Amino acid sequence: MNENDIRIDQFKSEIDGLKLKGSSSEGEKRLLVLGVVLLVAGVLLALFGAIEVGQYPDSPADQRAYMAQGSFLGLALIIAGAALFVRFSLARYLRFWMIRMTYESRANTDRVVDAIERAAGLDDASYAAATQPATQPTVEAVAPQQPPPPPPFQ
């Protein structure tokens, strides 16, 4: 098992320890599919309305009815479907991006720490010795030094 697998297992155990209730992606997938369905239905409805308006050149009342029921409702469905599609597509992408940035940040931190340890000349044994608390140095009795006598007056 390499270091990356160990870190992944540690990450999973930390997340499990938080006891968070995660949501499944089923709701998001359904809304993404709903957005695509609304987008396609809106395009079809707008095309139907445009075709029907063109078939009644003599009747402005029929044209307005098909414009209101077909084209305008179709445009509203296109906007709603596109908004749902973009929202949930971006959410999935940004979630992936955030996970990737976290992973890269951890890897870069590990590289920096390794580089600092190499530059300091620390390996595992010397690092352990360097981090041990130092013992109190013994104070030796040193006789105080006397200042030299002043020169005589002439």
Protein backbone atom coordinates (compact mmCIF):
# COMPACT_ATOMS: atom_id res chain seq x y z
CA MET A 1 0.00 0.00 0.00
CA ASN A 2 1.58 3.28 -1.02
CA GLU A 3 1.43 6.62 0.75
CA ASN A 4 -1.44 7.87 -1.42
CA ASP A 5 -3.66 4.89 -0.50
CA ILE A 6 -2.89 5.44 3.17
CA ARG A 7 -3.89 9.10 2.88
CA ILE A 8 -7.12 8.17 1.07
CA ASP A 9 -8.03 5.69 3.80
CA GLN A 10 -7.22 8.28 6.46
CA PHE A 11 -9.40 10.84 4.66
CA LYS A 12 -12.30 8.39 4.44
CA SER A 13 -12.04 7.52 8.13
CA GLU A 14 -12.00 11.23 9.06
CA ILE A 15 -15.11 11.87 6.97
CA ASP A 16 -16.87 8.85 8.50
CA GLY A 17 -15.95 10.18 11.95
CA LEU A 18 -17.76 13.44 11.23
CA LYS A 19 -21.05 11.52 10.82
CA LEU A 20 -22.28 13.86 8.11
CA LYS A 21 -25.34 12.97 6.12
CA GLY A 22 -24.35 13.29 2.49
CA SER A 23 -26.91 13.69 -0.20
CA SER A 24 -26.94 11.33 -3.12
CA SER A 25 -26.51 12.59 -6.63
CA GLU A 26 -29.80 11.07 -7.79
CA GLY A 27 -31.73 14.30 -7.22
CA GLU A 28 -29.17 16.28 -9.17
CA LYS A 29 -29.21 13.78 -12.03
CA ARG A 30 -33.00 13.95 -12.20
CA LEU A 31 -32.96 17.74 -12.33
CA LEU A 32 -30.23 17.70 -14.97
CA VAL A 33 -32.32 15.34 -17.10
CA LEU A 34 -35.40 17.50 -16.45
CA GLY A 35 -33.44 20.51 -17.71
CA VAL A 36 -32.54 18.70 -20.93
CA VAL A 37 -36.14 17.51 -21.41
CA LEU A 38 -37.49 21.04 -20.86
CA LEU A 39 -34.93 22.43 -23.28
CA VAL A 40 -35.89 19.96 -26.03
CA ALA A 41 -39.63 20.36 -25.37
CA GLY A 42 -39.25 24.14 -25.49
CA VAL A 43 -37.45 24.01 -28.83
CA LEU A 44 -40.09 21.70 -30.27
CA LEU A 45 -42.94 23.86 -28.93
CA ALA A 46 -41.35 27.05 -30.26
CA LEU A 47 -40.87 25.46 -33.69
CA PHE A 48 -44.47 24.22 -33.68
CA GLY A 49 -45.71 27.69 -32.80
CA ALA A 50 -43.62 29.33 -35.51
CA ILE A 51 -44.84 26.86 -38.14
CA GLU A 52 -48.48 27.31 -37.15
CA VAL A 53 -48.18 31.11 -37.20
CA GLY A 54 -46.85 30.86 -40.75
CA GLN A 55 -49.79 28.68 -41.86
CA TYR A 56 -52.40 31.33 -40.96
CA PRO A 57 -51.33 34.50 -42.75
CA ASP A 58 -54.92 35.75 -43.06
CA SER A 59 -55.98 35.33 -39.44
CA PRO A 60 -54.20 37.57 -36.92
CA ALA A 61 -56.21 36.03 -34.06
CA ASP A 62 -54.95 32.54 -34.86
CA GLN A 63 -51.41 33.85 -35.24
CA ARG A 64 -51.54 35.47 -31.80
CA ALA A 65 -52.95 32.30 -30.26
CA TYR A 66 -50.17 30.15 -31.70
CA MET A 67 -47.57 32.75 -30.73
CA ALA A 68 -48.80 32.79 -27.15
CA GLN A 69 -49.30 29.05 -26.80
CA GLY A 70 -46.43 27.80 -28.90
CA SER A 71 -43.59 30.22 -29.32
CA PHE A 72 -43.70 32.12 -26.02
CA LEU A 73 -44.35 29.04 -23.91
CA GLY A 74 -41.59 27.27 -25.84
CA LEU A 75 -39.15 30.10 -25.15
CA ALA A 76 -40.01 29.99 -21.45
CA LEU A 77 -39.35 26.25 -21.38
CA ILE A 78 -36.04 26.75 -23.22
CA ILE A 79 -34.92 29.31 -20.64
CA ALA A 80 -35.97 27.13 -17.69
CA GLY A 81 -34.39 24.01 -19.17
CA ALA A 82 -31.15 25.79 -20.01
CA ALA A 83 -30.97 27.27 -16.50
CA LEU A 84 -31.41 23.84 -14.88
CA PHE A 85 -28.91 22.24 -17.23
CA VAL A 86 -26.25 24.91 -16.70
CA ARG A 87 -26.75 25.00 -12.93
CA PHE A 88 -26.34 21.28 -12.37
CA SER A 89 -23.60 20.87 -14.97
CA LEU A 90 -21.58 23.62 -13.32
CA ALA A 91 -22.22 22.17 -9.86
CA ARG A 92 -20.78 18.83 -10.92
CA TYR A 93 -17.77 20.45 -12.60
CA LEU A 94 -17.03 22.78 -9.67
CA ARG A 95 -17.30 19.91 -7.19
CA PHE A 96 -14.72 17.98 -9.23
CA TRP A 97 -12.54 21.08 -9.47
CA MET A 98 -12.63 21.65 -5.71
CA ILE A 99 -11.64 18.04 -4.98
CA ARG A 100 -8.81 18.28 -7.49
CA MET A 101 -7.54 21.56 -5.98
CA THR A 102 -7.60 20.04 -2.48
CA TYR A 103 -5.64 17.02 -3.67
CA GLU A 104 -3.05 19.17 -5.47
CA SER A 105 -2.72 21.48 -2.48
CA ARG A 106 -1.97 18.54 -0.19
CA ALA A 107 0.56 17.14 -2.66
CA ASN A 108 2.28 20.52 -2.97
CA THR A 109 2.42 20.89 0.81
CA ASP A 110 4.04 17.47 1.07
CA ARG A 111 6.61 18.47 -1.54
CA VAL A 112 7.44 21.71 0.27
CA VAL A 113 7.84 19.91 3.60
CA ASP A 114 10.12 17.31 1.99
CA ALA A 115 12.19 20.05 0.35
CA ILE A 116 12.58 21.90 3.65
CA GLU A 117 13.61 18.71 5.42
CA ARG A 118 16.16 17.92 2.70
CA ALA A 119 17.54 21.47 2.81
CA ALA A 120 17.89 21.28 6.57
CA GLY A 121 19.62 17.92 6.26
CA LEU A 122 17.03 16.19 8.36
CA ASP A 123 16.18 12.55 7.90
CA ASP A 124 13.85 10.58 10.16
CA ALA A 125 16.49 9.79 12.80
CA SER A 126 17.99 13.26 12.93
CA TYR A 127 14.53 14.83 12.92
CA ALA A 128 13.54 12.78 15.96
CA ALA A 129 16.77 13.77 17.71
CA ALA A 130 16.29 17.42 16.82
CA THR A 131 12.76 17.53 18.17
CA GLN A 132 13.64 15.90 21.51
CA PRO A 133 13.71 18.41 24.35
CA ALA A 134 17.26 19.32 25.19
CA THR A 135 18.61 18.51 28.66
CA GLN A 136 19.53 21.38 30.92
CA PRO A 137 23.20 22.25 30.53
CA THR A 138 25.24 22.11 33.68
CA VAL A 139 26.62 25.37 34.89
CA GLU A 140 30.27 25.19 35.74
CA ALA A 141 31.69 27.42 38.39
CA VAL A 142 33.77 30.00 36.67
CA ALA A 143 35.75 32.48 38.64
CA PRO A 144 34.79 36.00 37.80
CA GLN A 145 37.44 37.80 35.88
CA GLN A 146 39.06 40.76 37.54
CA PRO A 147 39.42 43.86 35.44
CA PRO A 148 43.03 44.84 34.83
CA PRO A 149 44.46 47.41 37.23
CA PRO A 150 44.53 50.98 35.99
CA PRO A 151 47.85 52.27 34.69
CA PRO A 152 49.94 54.28 37.17
CA PHE A 153 49.96 58.07 36.98
CA GLN A 154 53.04 59.73 35.66
